[in-house]
C-alpha atoms as a PDB file:
ATOM      1  CA  MET A   1      -5.735 -12.893  20.088  1.00  0.00           C
ATOM      2  CA  ALA A   2      -3.798 -11.365  17.219  1.00  0.00           C
ATOM      3  CA  LYS A   3      -1.550  -8.406  17.869  1.00  0.00           C
ATOM      4  CA  ASP A   4      -2.628  -4.952  16.718  1.00  0.00           C
ATOM      5  CA  LEU A   5      -1.446  -4.075  13.223  1.00  0.00           C
ATOM      6  CA  PHE A   6      -1.065  -0.518  11.995  1.00  0.00           C
ATOM      7  CA  CYS A   7      -1.012   0.788   8.426  1.00  0.00           C
ATOM      8  CA  ASP A   8       2.477   1.810   7.287  1.00  0.00           C
ATOM      9  CA  GLU A   9       0.978   4.698   5.280  1.00  0.00           C
ATOM     10  CA  CYS A  10      -1.700   6.348   7.429  1.00  0.00           C
ATOM     11  CA  GLY A  11      -0.874   4.799  10.806  1.00  0.00           C
ATOM     12  CA  GLU A  12      -4.456   3.694  11.505  1.00  0.00           C
ATOM     13  CA  LEU A  13      -5.217   0.451  13.318  1.00  0.00           C
ATOM     14  CA  ILE A  14      -6.063  -2.196  10.698  1.00  0.00           C
ATOM     15  CA  GLN A  15      -9.474  -3.623  11.532  1.00  0.00           C
ATOM     16  CA  GLY A  16     -10.456  -5.297   8.269  1.00  0.00           C
ATOM     17  CA  ASP A  17      -8.328  -6.872   5.598  1.00  0.00           C
ATOM     18  CA  VAL A  18      -4.559  -6.443   5.624  1.00  0.00           C
ATOM     19  CA  TYR A  19      -3.130  -5.315   2.289  1.00  0.00           C
ATOM     20  CA  TYR A  20       0.481  -6.061   1.450  1.00  0.00           C
ATOM     21  CA  ILE A  21       2.771  -6.298  -1.556  1.00  0.00           C
ATOM     22  CA  GLY A  22       3.500  -9.901  -2.508  1.00  0.00           C
ATOM     23  CA  LYS A  23       6.933 -11.419  -3.004  1.00  0.00           C
ATOM     24  CA  THR A  24       8.084  -8.903  -5.601  1.00  0.00           C
ATOM     25  CA  LYS A  25      11.103  -6.662  -5.967  1.00  0.00           C
ATOM     26  CA  PRO A  26       9.328  -3.643  -4.407  1.00  0.00           C
ATOM     27  CA  ALA A  27       8.285  -5.737  -1.401  1.00  0.00           C
ATOM     28  CA  LEU A  28      11.848  -6.828  -0.759  1.00  0.00           C
ATOM     29  CA  VAL A  29      13.137  -3.258  -0.956  1.00  0.00           C
ATOM     30  CA  LEU A  30      10.335  -1.934   1.248  1.00  0.00           C
ATOM     31  CA  HIS A  31      10.662  -4.704   3.880  1.00  0.00           C
ATOM     32  CA  ASN A  32       7.061  -5.911   3.341  1.00  0.00           C
ATOM     33  CA  PRO A  33       4.995  -3.043   4.758  1.00  0.00           C
ATOM     34  CA  ILE A  34       1.300  -3.594   5.493  1.00  0.00           C
ATOM     35  CA  PHE A  35      -1.667  -1.362   4.729  1.00  0.00           C
ATOM     36  CA  CYS A  36      -5.323  -0.873   5.651  1.00  0.00           C
ATOM     37  CA  SER A  37      -6.579  -0.247   2.093  1.00  0.00           C
ATOM     38  CA  ASP A  38      -5.608  -0.330  -1.557  1.00  0.00           C
ATOM     39  CA  GLU A  39      -5.619   3.490  -1.490  1.00  0.00           C
ATOM     40  CA  CYS A  40      -2.887   3.468   1.164  1.00  0.00           C
ATOM     41  CA  VAL A  41      -0.818   1.022  -0.920  1.00  0.00           C
ATOM     42  CA  LEU A  42      -1.048   3.348  -3.919  1.00  0.00           C
ATOM     43  CA  ASP A  43      -0.249   6.428  -1.806  1.00  0.00           C
ATOM     44  CA  TYR A  44       2.739   4.677  -0.213  1.00  0.00           C
ATOM     45  CA  LEU A  45       4.108   3.743  -3.635  1.00  0.00           C
ATOM     46  CA  GLN A  46       3.231   7.213  -4.998  1.00  0.00           C
ATOM     47  CA  VAL A  47       1.153   5.736  -7.821  1.00  0.00           C
ATOM     48  CA  ASP A  48      -0.753   8.336  -9.849  1.00  0.00           C
ATOM     49  CA  SER A  49      -3.272   7.969 -12.639  1.00  0.00           C
ATOM     50  CA  PHE A  50      -4.320  10.104 -15.603  1.00  0.00           C
ATOM     51  CA  PRO A  51      -6.885   9.654 -18.349  1.00  0.00           C
ATOM     52  CA  VAL A  52      -5.164   8.017 -21.302  1.00  0.00           C
ATOM     53  CA  GLU A  53      -5.697  11.082 -23.483  1.00  0.00           C
ATOM     54  CA  ASP A  54      -3.833  13.251 -20.932  1.00  0.00           C
ATOM     55  CA  PHE A  55      -0.926  10.868 -20.458  1.00  0.00           C
ATOM     56  CA  ASP A  56       2.283  11.898 -22.217  1.00  0.00           C
ATOM     57  CA  GLU A  57       5.347   9.767 -21.628  1.00  0.00           C
END
């Protein structure tokens, strides 16, 4: 039986798919955390989105 895995963002027990960041620079810096959803990945990385017309660099 596999060990219990917990999301590094929300702390919930992962019961479905495990989301992780592949072998990229952010993954190496973050020590390969795991997540329960794509939303938790985006929250962990503090990724925001705006409509293109509202985005001002």
